[in-house]
Amino acid sequence: MKSNIAWIGALALSMMSGAAGAAEHVVAQKSMAFSTNKLSVKVGDSVKFVNEDPYAHNLFSLSETKSFDLGPSPQGGSKSVVFDKAGTVEIECAMHPDMKLTVQVKK
């Protein structure tokens, strides 16, 4: 029983220490464009995508490093993605194909 408690405590400390160093980056979507077309983050960081347009966006990535589909985000909405693996992530909007963002995730 003591070893289980010690293991759970160690796991909790490990998770807390990893999250403590993580940063949140904010990328706006305005005038059918991202506020930047290139972004560099560290493993564990998150990117919050904020929709400042009067219409929905649907961000996705098919990248091997991080694959996701955030679904529709209405005006004023925001959604976040945590980048948990080093590499390059190409992000696009399913509704506006000219919207592209490259995220470089570093260790």
PDB file of N, CA and C in Angstrom:
ATOM      1  N   MET A   1       0.819  -1.185   0.000  1.00  0.00           N
ATOM      2  CA  MET A   1       0.000   0.000   0.000  1.00  0.00           C
ATOM      3  C   MET A   1       0.871   1.260   0.000  1.00  0.00           C
ATOM      4  N   LYS A   2       1.949   1.258   0.817  1.00  0.00           N
ATOM      5  CA  LYS A   2       2.827   2.428   0.877  1.00  0.00           C
ATOM      6  C   LYS A   2       3.478   2.694  -0.476  1.00  0.00           C
ATOM      7  N   SER A   3       3.876   1.626  -1.173  1.00  0.00           N
ATOM      8  CA  SER A   3       4.524   1.816  -2.468  1.00  0.00           C
ATOM      9  C   SER A   3       3.557   2.420  -3.482  1.00  0.00           C
ATOM     10  N   ASN A   4       2.268   2.065  -3.412  1.00  0.00           N
ATOM     11  CA  ASN A   4       1.274   2.663  -4.313  1.00  0.00           C
ATOM     12  C   ASN A   4       1.121   4.149  -4.050  1.00  0.00           C
ATOM     13  N   ILE A   5       1.081   4.525  -2.783  1.00  0.00           N
ATOM     14  CA  ILE A   5       0.943   5.937  -2.421  1.00  0.00           C
ATOM     15  C   ILE A   5       2.171   6.718  -2.873  1.00  0.00           C
ATOM     16  N   ALA A   6       3.352   6.159  -2.673  1.00  0.00           N
ATOM     17  CA  ALA A   6       4.582   6.822  -3.105  1.00  0.00           C
ATOM     18  C   ALA A   6       4.601   6.985  -4.621  1.00  0.00           C
ATOM     19  N   TRP A   7       4.170   5.947  -5.340  1.00  0.00           N
ATOM     20  CA  TRP A   7       4.159   5.999  -6.808  1.00  0.00           C
ATOM     21  C   TRP A   7       3.179   7.060  -7.299  1.00  0.00           C
ATOM     22  N   ILE A   8       1.990   7.123  -6.709  1.00  0.00           N
ATOM     23  CA  ILE A   8       0.992   8.117  -7.095  1.00  0.00           C
ATOM     24  C   ILE A   8       1.514   9.524  -6.799  1.00  0.00           C
ATOM     25  N   GLY A   9       2.160   9.711  -5.669  1.00  0.00           N
ATOM     26  CA  GLY A   9       2.732  11.010  -5.330  1.00  0.00           C
ATOM     27  C   GLY A   9       3.813  11.421  -6.314  1.00  0.00           C
ATOM     28  N   ALA A  10       4.676  10.487  -6.684  1.00  0.00           N
ATOM     29  CA  ALA A  10       5.747  10.783  -7.647  1.00  0.00           C
ATOM     30  C   ALA A  10       5.165  11.130  -9.007  1.00  0.00           C
ATOM     31  N   LEU A  11       4.127  10.408  -9.421  1.00  0.00           N
ATOM     32  CA  LEU A  11       3.484  10.686 -10.698  1.00  0.00           C
ATOM     33  C   LEU A  11       2.858  12.081 -10.687  1.00  0.00           C
ATOM     34  N   ALA A  12       2.184  12.437  -9.609  1.00  0.00           N
ATOM     35  CA  ALA A  12       1.563  13.756  -9.497  1.00  0.00           C
ATOM     36  C   ALA A  12       2.611  14.863  -9.558  1.00  0.00           C
ATOM     37  N   LEU A  13       3.723  14.683  -8.862  1.00  0.00           N
ATOM     38  CA  LEU A  13       4.796  15.684  -8.894  1.00  0.00           C
ATOM     39  C   LEU A  13       5.383  15.814 -10.286  1.00  0.00           C
ATOM     40  N   SER A  14       5.559  14.705 -10.962  1.00  0.00           N
ATOM     41  CA  SER A  14       6.099  14.711 -12.320  1.00  0.00           C
ATOM     42  C   SER A  14       5.177  15.473 -13.259  1.00  0.00           C
ATOM     43  N   MET A  15       3.886  15.226 -13.149  1.00  0.00           N
ATOM     44  CA  MET A  15       2.924  15.898 -14.016  1.00  0.00           C
ATOM     45  C   MET A  15       2.887  17.390 -13.718  1.00  0.00           C
ATOM     46  N   MET A  16       2.951  17.758 -12.458  1.00  0.00           N
ATOM     47  CA  MET A  16       2.911  19.167 -12.086  1.00  0.00           C
ATOM     48  C   MET A  16       4.159  19.898 -12.551  1.00  0.00           C
ATOM     49  N   SER A  17       5.313  19.280 -12.441  1.00  0.00           N
ATOM     50  CA  SER A  17       6.544  19.955 -12.841  1.00  0.00           C
ATOM     51  C   SER A  17       6.595  20.149 -14.346  1.00  0.00           C
ATOM     52  N   GLY A  18       6.063  19.200 -15.121  1.00  0.00           N
ATOM     53  CA  GLY A  18       6.025  19.349 -16.574  1.00  0.00           C
ATOM     54  C   GLY A  18       5.102  20.470 -16.989  1.00  0.00           C
ATOM     55  N   ALA A  19       3.960  20.603 -16.340  1.00  0.00           N
ATOM     56  CA  ALA A  19       2.992  21.633 -16.694  1.00  0.00           C
ATOM     57  C   ALA A  19       3.472  23.016 -16.273  1.00  0.00           C
ATOM     58  N   ALA A  20       4.283  23.082 -15.219  1.00  0.00           N
ATOM     59  CA  ALA A  20       4.729  24.368 -14.700  1.00  0.00           C
ATOM     60  C   ALA A  20       5.574  25.130 -15.708  1.00  0.00           C
ATOM     61  N   GLY A  21       6.350  24.431 -16.519  1.00  0.00           N
ATOM     62  CA  GLY A  21       7.208  25.092 -17.484  1.00  0.00           C
ATOM     63  C   GLY A  21       6.536  25.350 -18.818  1.00  0.00           C
ATOM     64  N   ALA A  22       5.296  24.888 -18.989  1.00  0.00           N
ATOM     65  CA  ALA A  22       4.596  25.050 -20.254  1.00  0.00           C
ATOM     66  C   ALA A  22       4.089  26.481 -20.409  1.00  0.00           C
ATOM     67  N   ALA A  23       4.085  26.944 -21.649  1.00  0.00           N
ATOM     68  CA  ALA A  23       3.597  28.290 -21.952  1.00  0.00           C
ATOM     69  C   ALA A  23       2.368  28.200 -22.843  1.00  0.00           C
ATOM     70  N   GLU A  24       1.545  29.236 -22.793  1.00  0.00           N
ATOM     71  CA  GLU A  24       0.403  29.326 -23.701  1.00  0.00           C
ATOM     72  C   GLU A  24       0.673  30.458 -24.683  1.00  0.00           C
ATOM     73  N   HIS A  25       0.589  30.147 -25.955  1.00  0.00           N
ATOM     74  CA  HIS A  25       0.764  31.131 -27.017  1.00  0.00           C
ATOM     75  C   HIS A  25      -0.617  31.418 -27.592  1.00  0.00           C
ATOM     76  N   VAL A  26      -0.859  32.650 -27.993  1.00  0.00           N
ATOM     77  CA  VAL A  26      -2.152  33.021 -28.554  1.00  0.00           C
ATOM     78  C   VAL A  26      -1.962  33.426 -30.010  1.00  0.00           C
ATOM     79  N   VAL A  27      -2.779  32.822 -30.881  1.00  0.00           N
ATOM     80  CA  VAL A  27      -2.777  33.152 -32.298  1.00  0.00           C
ATOM     81  C   VAL A  27      -4.191  33.587 -32.659  1.00  0.00           C
ATOM     82  N   ALA A  28      -4.321  34.807 -33.180  1.00  0.00           N
ATOM     83  CA  ALA A  28      -5.629  35.319 -33.584  1.00  0.00           C
ATOM     84  C   ALA A  28      -5.921  34.925 -35.031  1.00  0.00           C
ATOM     85  N   GLN A  29      -7.202  34.799 -35.310  1.00  0.00           N
ATOM     86  CA  GLN A  29      -7.674  34.582 -36.675  1.00  0.00           C
ATOM     87  C   GLN A  29      -8.504  35.808 -37.030  1.00  0.00           C
ATOM     88  N   LYS A  30      -7.998  36.615 -37.960  1.00  0.00           N
ATOM     89  CA  LYS A  30      -8.662  37.862 -38.305  1.00  0.00           C
ATOM     90  C   LYS A  30      -8.450  38.160 -39.783  1.00  0.00           C
ATOM     91  N   SER A  31      -9.498  38.609 -40.457  1.00  0.00           N
ATOM     92  CA  SER A  31      -9.445  38.922 -41.892  1.00  0.00           C
ATOM     93  C   SER A  31      -8.994  37.697 -42.684  1.00  0.00           C
ATOM     94  N   MET A  32      -9.518  36.544 -42.304  1.00  0.00           N
ATOM     95  CA  MET A  32      -9.207  35.256 -42.945  1.00  0.00           C
ATOM     96  C   MET A  32      -7.701  34.978 -42.995  1.00  0.00           C
ATOM     97  N   ALA A  33      -7.010  35.315 -41.906  1.00  0.00           N
ATOM     98  CA  ALA A  33      -5.572  35.056 -41.803  1.00  0.00           C
ATOM     99  C   ALA A  33      -5.212  34.832 -40.336  1.00  0.00           C
ATOM    100  N   PHE A  34      -4.115  34.113 -40.117  1.00  0.00           N
ATOM    101  CA  PHE A  34      -3.566  33.971 -38.767  1.00  0.00           C
ATOM    102  C   PHE A  34      -2.750  35.221 -38.444  1.00  0.00           C
ATOM    103  N   SER A  35      -2.617  35.559 -37.176  1.00  0.00           N
ATOM    104  CA  SER A  35      -1.843  36.736 -36.784  1.00  0.00           C
ATOM    105  C   SER A  35      -0.352  36.556 -37.069  1.00  0.00           C
ATOM    106  N   THR A  36       0.070  35.334 -37.316  1.00  0.00           N
ATOM    107  CA  THR A  36       1.437  35.024 -37.728  1.00  0.00           C
ATOM    108  C   THR A  36       1.368  33.804 -38.636  1.00  0.00           C
ATOM    109  N   ASN A  37       2.357  33.643 -39.499  1.00  0.00           N
ATOM    110  CA  ASN A  37       2.349  32.442 -40.341  1.00  0.00           C
ATOM    111  C   ASN A  37       3.390  31.417 -39.884  1.00  0.00           C
ATOM    112  N   LYS A  38       4.218  31.793 -38.896  1.00  0.00           N
ATOM    113  CA  LYS A  38       5.202  30.871 -38.319  1.00  0.00           C
ATOM    114  C   LYS A  38       5.259  31.104 -36.818  1.00  0.00           C
ATOM    115  N   LEU A  39       5.361  30.003 -36.077  1.00  0.00           N
ATOM    116  CA  LEU A  39       5.410  30.088 -34.630  1.00  0.00           C
ATOM    117  C   LEU A  39       6.342  29.004 -34.115  1.00  0.00           C
ATOM    118  N   SER A  40       7.149  29.339 -33.118  1.00  0.00           N
ATOM    119  CA  SER A  40       8.042  28.376 -32.491  1.00  0.00           C
ATOM    120  C   SER A  40       7.598  28.187 -31.047  1.00  0.00           C
ATOM    121  N   VAL A  41       7.395  26.921 -30.659  1.00  0.00           N
ATOM    122  CA  VAL A  41       6.972  26.591 -29.294  1.00  0.00           C
ATOM    123  C   VAL A  41       7.838  25.456 -28.778  1.00  0.00           C
ATOM    124  N   LYS A  42       7.729  25.181 -27.489  1.00  0.00           N
ATOM    125  CA  LYS A  42       8.435  24.053 -26.883  1.00  0.00           C
ATOM    126  C   LYS A  42       7.450  22.914 -26.641  1.00  0.00           C
ATOM    127  N   VAL A  43       7.974  21.698 -26.578  1.00  0.00           N
ATOM    128  CA  VAL A  43       7.147  20.544 -26.252  1.00  0.00           C
ATOM    129  C   VAL A  43       6.435  20.818 -24.925  1.00  0.00           C
ATOM    130  N   GLY A  44       5.126  20.597 -24.891  1.00  0.00           N
ATOM    131  CA  GLY A  44       4.324  20.852 -23.703  1.00  0.00           C
ATOM    132  C   GLY A  44       3.574  22.170 -23.748  1.00  0.00           C
ATOM    133  N   ASP A  45       4.013  23.095 -24.618  1.00  0.00           N
ATOM    134  CA  ASP A  45       3.329  24.372 -24.760  1.00  0.00           C
ATOM    135  C   ASP A  45       1.986  24.176 -25.461  1.00  0.00           C
ATOM    136  N   SER A  46       1.092  25.134 -25.256  1.00  0.00           N
ATOM    137  CA  SER A  46      -0.190  25.108 -25.953  1.00  0.00           C
ATOM    138  C   SER A  46      -0.325  26.364 -26.802  1.00  0.00           C
ATOM    139  N   VAL A  47      -1.165  26.261 -27.826  1.00  0.00           N
ATOM    140  CA  VAL A  47      -1.502  27.411 -28.648  1.00  0.00           C
ATOM    141  C   VAL A  47      -3.015  27.579 -28.571  1.00  0.00           C
ATOM    142  N   LYS A  48      -3.415  28.773 -28.194  1.00  0.00           N
ATOM    143  CA  LYS A  48      -4.836  29.120 -28.123  1.00  0.00           C
ATOM    144  C   LYS A  48      -5.177  29.906 -29.381  1.00  0.00           C
ATOM    145  N   PHE A  49      -6.116  29.374 -30.153  1.00  0.00           N
ATOM    146  CA  PHE A  49      -6.548  30.015 -31.384  1.00  0.00           C
ATOM    147  C   PHE A  49      -7.823  30.801 -31.085  1.00  0.00           C
ATOM    148  N   VAL A  50      -7.792  32.121 -31.290  1.00  0.00           N
ATOM    149  CA  VAL A  50      -8.913  32.998 -30.983  1.00  0.00           C
ATOM    150  C   VAL A  50      -9.503  33.519 -32.295  1.00  0.00           C
ATOM    151  N   ASN A  51     -10.806  33.290 -32.495  1.00  0.00           N
ATOM    152  CA  ASN A  51     -11.467  33.725 -33.723  1.00  0.00           C
ATOM    153  C   ASN A  51     -11.984  35.154 -33.561  1.00  0.00           C
ATOM    154  N   GLU A  52     -11.345  36.092 -34.250  1.00  0.00           N
ATOM    155  CA  GLU A  52     -11.755  37.490 -34.225  1.00  0.00           C
ATOM    156  C   GLU A  52     -12.530  37.880 -35.481  1.00  0.00           C
ATOM    157  N   ASP A  53     -12.826  36.898 -36.331  1.00  0.00           N
ATOM    158  CA  ASP A  53     -13.593  37.152 -37.555  1.00  0.00           C
ATOM    159  C   ASP A  53     -15.086  37.016 -37.286  1.00  0.00           C
ATOM    160  N   PRO A  54     -15.921  37.611 -38.133  1.00  0.00           N
ATOM    161  CA  PRO A  54     -17.373  37.495 -37.956  1.00  0.00           C
ATOM    162  C   PRO A  54     -17.947  36.184 -38.493  1.00  0.00           C
ATOM    163  N   TYR A  55     -17.088  35.242 -38.835  1.00  0.00           N
ATOM    164  CA  TYR A  55     -17.528  33.945 -39.357  1.00  0.00           C
ATOM    165  C   TYR A  55     -16.667  32.845 -38.754  1.00  0.00           C
ATOM    166  N   ALA A  56     -17.134  31.620 -38.894  1.00  0.00           N
ATOM    167  CA  ALA A  56     -16.458  30.469 -38.284  1.00  0.00           C
ATOM    168  C   ALA A  56     -15.180  30.086 -39.022  1.00  0.00           C
ATOM    169  N   HIS A  57     -14.278  29.479 -38.276  1.00  0.00           N
ATOM    170  CA  HIS A  57     -13.081  28.844 -38.818  1.00  0.00           C
ATOM    171  C   HIS A  57     -13.056  27.411 -38.299  1.00  0.00           C
ATOM    172  N   ASN A  58     -12.393  26.530 -39.032  1.00  0.00           N
ATOM    173  CA  ASN A  58     -12.253  25.131 -38.607  1.00  0.00           C
ATOM    174  C   ASN A  58     -10.799  24.728 -38.844  1.00  0.00           C
ATOM    175  N   LEU A  59     -10.001  24.800 -37.790  1.00  0.00           N
ATOM    176  CA  LEU A  59      -8.568  24.528 -37.906  1.00  0.00           C
ATOM    177  C   LEU A  59      -8.280  23.042 -37.763  1.00  0.00           C
ATOM    178  N   PHE A  60      -7.322  22.585 -38.578  1.00  0.00           N
ATOM    179  CA  PHE A  60      -6.930  21.179 -38.530  1.00  0.00           C
ATOM    180  C   PHE A  60      -5.471  21.035 -38.921  1.00  0.00           C
ATOM    181  N   SER A  61      -4.923  19.864 -38.590  1.00  0.00           N
ATOM    182  CA  SER A  61      -3.573  19.492 -39.013  1.00  0.00           C
ATOM    183  C   SER A  61      -3.553  18.009 -39.310  1.00  0.00           C
ATOM    184  N   LEU A  62      -2.940  17.665 -40.410  1.00  0.00           N
ATOM    185  CA  LEU A  62      -2.725  16.261 -40.762  1.00  0.00           C
ATOM    186  C   LEU A  62      -1.265  15.868 -40.547  1.00  0.00           C
ATOM    187  N   SER A  63      -0.513  16.734 -39.877  1.00  0.00           N
ATOM    188  CA  SER A  63       0.914  16.506 -39.657  1.00  0.00           C
ATOM    189  C   SER A  63       1.154  15.299 -38.768  1.00  0.00           C
ATOM    190  N   GLU A  64       2.224  14.574 -39.060  1.00  0.00           N
ATOM    191  CA  GLU A  64       2.602  13.412 -38.262  1.00  0.00           C
ATOM    192  C   GLU A  64       2.938  13.814 -36.822  1.00  0.00           C
ATOM    193  N   THR A  65       3.523  14.989 -36.654  1.00  0.00           N
ATOM    194  CA  THR A  65       3.901  15.462 -35.320  1.00  0.00           C
ATOM    195  C   THR A  65       2.686  15.698 -34.441  1.00  0.00           C
ATOM    196  N   LYS A  66       1.633  16.282 -35.006  1.00  0.00           N
ATOM    197  CA  LYS A  66       0.408  16.567 -34.250  1.00  0.00           C
ATOM    198  C   LYS A  66      -0.757  16.649 -35.230  1.00  0.00           C
ATOM    199  N   SER A  67      -1.633  15.675 -35.154  1.00  0.00           N
ATOM    200  CA  SER A  67      -2.808  15.629 -36.010  1.00  0.00           C
ATOM    201  C   SER A  67      -4.035  15.992 -35.181  1.00  0.00           C
ATOM    202  N   PHE A  68      -4.877  16.901 -35.690  1.00  0.00           N
ATOM    203  CA  PHE A  68      -6.089  17.288 -34.966  1.00  0.00           C
ATOM    204  C   PHE A  68      -7.079  17.955 -35.908  1.00  0.00           C
ATOM    205  N   ASP A  69      -8.322  18.027 -35.475  1.00  0.00           N
ATOM    206  CA  ASP A  69      -9.378  18.782 -36.143  1.00  0.00           C
ATOM    207  C   ASP A  69     -10.183  19.450 -35.036  1.00  0.00           C
ATOM    208  N   LEU A  70     -10.093  20.774 -34.935  1.00  0.00           N
ATOM    209  CA  LEU A  70     -10.735  21.496 -33.845  1.00  0.00           C
ATOM    210  C   LEU A  70     -12.234  21.695 -34.046  1.00  0.00           C
ATOM    211  N   GLY A  71     -12.727  21.426 -35.239  1.00  0.00           N
ATOM    212  CA  GLY A  71     -14.146  21.656 -35.502  1.00  0.00           C
ATOM    213  C   GLY A  71     -14.417  23.149 -35.617  1.00  0.00           C
ATOM    214  N   PRO A  72     -15.654  23.515 -35.950  1.00  0.00           N
ATOM    215  CA  PRO A  72     -15.988  24.922 -36.149  1.00  0.00           C
ATOM    216  C   PRO A  72     -15.821  25.752 -34.881  1.00  0.00           C
ATOM    217  N   SER A  73     -15.264  26.929 -35.059  1.00  0.00           N
ATOM    218  CA  SER A  73     -15.106  27.885 -33.958  1.00  0.00           C
ATOM    219  C   SER A  73     -15.777  29.187 -34.383  1.00  0.00           C
ATOM    220  N   PRO A  74     -16.872  29.572 -33.728  1.00  0.00           N
ATOM    221  CA  PRO A  74     -17.600  30.784 -34.129  1.00  0.00           C
ATOM    222  C   PRO A  74     -16.866  32.056 -33.719  1.00  0.00           C
ATOM    223  N   GLN A  75     -17.387  33.197 -34.170  1.00  0.00           N
ATOM    224  CA  GLN A  75     -16.827  34.498 -33.804  1.00  0.00           C
ATOM    225  C   GLN A  75     -16.716  34.602 -32.286  1.00  0.00           C
ATOM    226  N   GLY A  76     -15.559  35.038 -31.821  1.00  0.00           N
ATOM    227  CA  GLY A  76     -15.319  35.190 -30.386  1.00  0.00           C
ATOM    228  C   GLY A  76     -14.918  33.905 -29.694  1.00  0.00           C
ATOM    229  N   GLY A  77     -14.994  32.787 -30.398  1.00  0.00           N
ATOM    230  CA  GLY A  77     -14.635  31.505 -29.795  1.00  0.00           C
ATOM    231  C   GLY A  77     -13.138  31.281 -29.790  1.00  0.00           C
ATOM    232  N   SER A  78     -12.715  30.339 -28.975  1.00  0.00           N
ATOM    233  CA  SER A  78     -11.299  29.974 -28.947  1.00  0.00           C
ATOM    234  C   SER A  78     -11.176  28.488 -28.639  1.00  0.00           C
ATOM    235  N   LYS A  79     -10.121  27.900 -29.155  1.00  0.00           N
ATOM    236  CA  LYS A  79      -9.803  26.498 -28.898  1.00  0.00           C
ATOM    237  C   LYS A  79      -8.298  26.386 -28.780  1.00  0.00           C
ATOM    238  N   SER A  80      -7.853  25.432 -27.956  1.00  0.00           N
ATOM    239  CA  SER A  80      -6.416  25.272 -27.709  1.00  0.00           C
ATOM    240  C   SER A  80      -5.929  23.896 -28.107  1.00  0.00           C
ATOM    241  N   VAL A  81      -4.645  23.840 -28.436  1.00  0.00           N
ATOM    242  CA  VAL A  81      -3.970  22.587 -28.772  1.00  0.00           C
ATOM    243  C   VAL A  81      -2.666  22.537 -27.980  1.00  0.00           C
ATOM    244  N   VAL A  82      -2.399  21.386 -27.340  1.00  0.00           N
ATOM    245  CA  VAL A  82      -1.129  21.167 -26.649  1.00  0.00           C
ATOM    246  C   VAL A  82      -0.209  20.405 -27.596  1.00  0.00           C
ATOM    247  N   PHE A  83       0.999  20.887 -27.754  1.00  0.00           N
ATOM    248  CA  PHE A  83       1.977  20.255 -28.638  1.00  0.00           C
ATOM    249  C   PHE A  83       2.909  19.400 -27.786  1.00  0.00           C
ATOM    250  N   ASP A  84       2.761  18.092 -27.903  1.00  0.00           N
ATOM    251  CA  ASP A  84       3.446  17.158 -27.013  1.00  0.00           C
ATOM    252  C   ASP A  84       4.581  16.373 -27.664  1.00  0.00           C
ATOM    253  N   LYS A  85       4.962  16.761 -28.879  1.00  0.00           N
ATOM    254  CA  LYS A  85       6.017  16.047 -29.597  1.00  0.00           C
ATOM    255  C   LYS A  85       6.787  17.048 -30.459  1.00  0.00           C
ATOM    256  N   ALA A  86       8.102  16.916 -30.498  1.00  0.00           N
ATOM    257  CA  ALA A  86       8.932  17.816 -31.309  1.00  0.00           C
ATOM    258  C   ALA A  86       8.737  17.528 -32.794  1.00  0.00           C
ATOM    259  N   GLY A  87       8.792  18.584 -33.584  1.00  0.00           N
ATOM    260  CA  GLY A  87       8.666  18.457 -35.034  1.00  0.00           C
ATOM    261  C   GLY A  87       7.948  19.665 -35.618  1.00  0.00           C
ATOM    262  N   THR A  88       7.528  19.529 -36.873  1.00  0.00           N
ATOM    263  CA  THR A  88       6.848  20.598 -37.583  1.00  0.00           C
ATOM    264  C   THR A  88       5.379  20.249 -37.752  1.00  0.00           C
ATOM    265  N   VAL A  89       4.523  21.237 -37.491  1.00  0.00           N
ATOM    266  CA  VAL A  89       3.079  21.041 -37.625  1.00  0.00           C
ATOM    267  C   VAL A  89       2.539  22.098 -38.585  1.00  0.00           C
ATOM    268  N   GLU A  90       1.899  21.630 -39.650  1.00  0.00           N
ATOM    269  CA  GLU A  90       1.264  22.513 -40.631  1.00  0.00           C
ATOM    270  C   GLU A  90      -0.216  22.591 -40.283  1.00  0.00           C
ATOM    271  N   ILE A  91      -0.714  23.813 -40.061  1.00  0.00           N
ATOM    272  CA  ILE A  91      -2.103  24.026 -39.673  1.00  0.00           C
ATOM    273  C   ILE A  91      -2.812  24.817 -40.767  1.00  0.00           C
ATOM    274  N   GLU A  92      -4.045  24.410 -41.066  1.00  0.00           N
ATOM    275  CA  GLU A  92      -4.853  25.085 -42.072  1.00  0.00           C
ATOM    276  C   GLU A  92      -6.280  25.251 -41.560  1.00  0.00           C
ATOM    277  N   CYS A  93      -7.041  26.085 -42.257  1.00  0.00           N
ATOM    278  CA  CYS A  93      -8.464  26.241 -41.983  1.00  0.00           C
ATOM    279  C   CYS A  93      -9.223  25.504 -43.078  1.00  0.00           C
ATOM    280  N   ALA A  94     -10.123  24.603 -42.694  1.00  0.00           N
ATOM    281  CA  ALA A  94     -10.897  23.829 -43.668  1.00  0.00           C
ATOM    282  C   ALA A  94     -11.828  24.723 -44.477  1.00  0.00           C
ATOM    283  N   MET A  95     -12.206  25.859 -43.923  1.00  0.00           N
ATOM    284  CA  MET A  95     -13.142  26.755 -44.602  1.00  0.00           C
ATOM    285  C   MET A  95     -12.451  27.819 -45.457  1.00  0.00           C
ATOM    286  N   HIS A  96     -11.199  28.097 -45.145  1.00  0.00           N
ATOM    287  CA  HIS A  96     -10.442  29.138 -45.843  1.00  0.00           C
ATOM    288  C   HIS A  96      -9.052  28.585 -46.157  1.00  0.00           C
ATOM    289  N   PRO A  97      -8.891  27.898 -47.280  1.00  0.00           N
ATOM    290  CA  PRO A  97      -7.637  27.176 -47.586  1.00  0.00           C
ATOM    291  C   PRO A  97      -6.386  28.041 -47.682  1.00  0.00           C
ATOM    292  N   ASP A  98      -6.536  29.355 -47.804  1.00  0.00           N
ATOM    293  CA  ASP A  98      -5.349  30.219 -47.846  1.00  0.00           C
ATOM    294  C   ASP A  98      -4.794  30.499 -46.454  1.00  0.00           C
ATOM    295  N   MET A  99      -5.535  30.142 -45.407  1.00  0.00           N
ATOM    296  CA  MET A  99      -5.064  30.325 -44.031  1.00  0.00           C
ATOM    297  C   MET A  99      -4.128  29.175 -43.684  1.00  0.00           C
ATOM    298  N   LYS A 100      -2.860  29.505 -43.481  1.00  0.00           N
ATOM    299  CA  LYS A 100      -1.861  28.479 -43.160  1.00  0.00           C
ATOM    300  C   LYS A 100      -0.930  28.991 -42.072  1.00  0.00           C
ATOM    301  N   LEU A 101      -0.551  28.066 -41.197  1.00  0.00           N
ATOM    302  CA  LEU A 101       0.352  28.379 -40.089  1.00  0.00           C
ATOM    303  C   LEU A 101       1.292  27.197 -39.907  1.00  0.00           C
ATOM    304  N   THR A 102       2.570  27.468 -39.763  1.00  0.00           N
ATOM    305  CA  THR A 102       3.557  26.441 -39.466  1.00  0.00           C
ATOM    306  C   THR A 102       4.021  26.626 -38.029  1.00  0.00           C
ATOM    307  N   VAL A 103       3.891  25.552 -37.238  1.00  0.00           N
ATOM    308  CA  VAL A 103       4.353  25.572 -35.850  1.00  0.00           C
ATOM    309  C   VAL A 103       5.558  24.645 -35.733  1.00  0.00           C
ATOM    310  N   GLN A 104       6.674  25.202 -35.300  1.00  0.00           N
ATOM    311  CA  GLN A 104       7.877  24.415 -35.056  1.00  0.00           C
ATOM    312  C   GLN A 104       7.926  24.102 -33.569  1.00  0.00           C
ATOM    313  N   VAL A 105       7.842  22.813 -33.240  1.00  0.00           N
ATOM    314  CA  VAL A 105       7.837  22.388 -31.839  1.00  0.00           C
ATOM    315  C   VAL A 105       9.233  21.877 -31.505  1.00  0.00           C
ATOM    316  N   LYS A 106       9.882  22.532 -30.525  1.00  0.00           N
ATOM    317  CA  LYS A 106      11.245  22.177 -30.147  1.00  0.00           C
ATOM    318  C   LYS A 106      11.280  21.537 -28.771  1.00  0.00           C
ATOM    319  N   LYS A 107      12.308  20.712 -28.539  1.00  0.00           N
ATOM    320  CA  LYS A 107      12.466  20.049 -27.238  1.00  0.00           C
ATOM    321  C   LYS A 107      12.864  21.028 -26.179  1.00  0.00           C
TER     322      LYS A 107
END
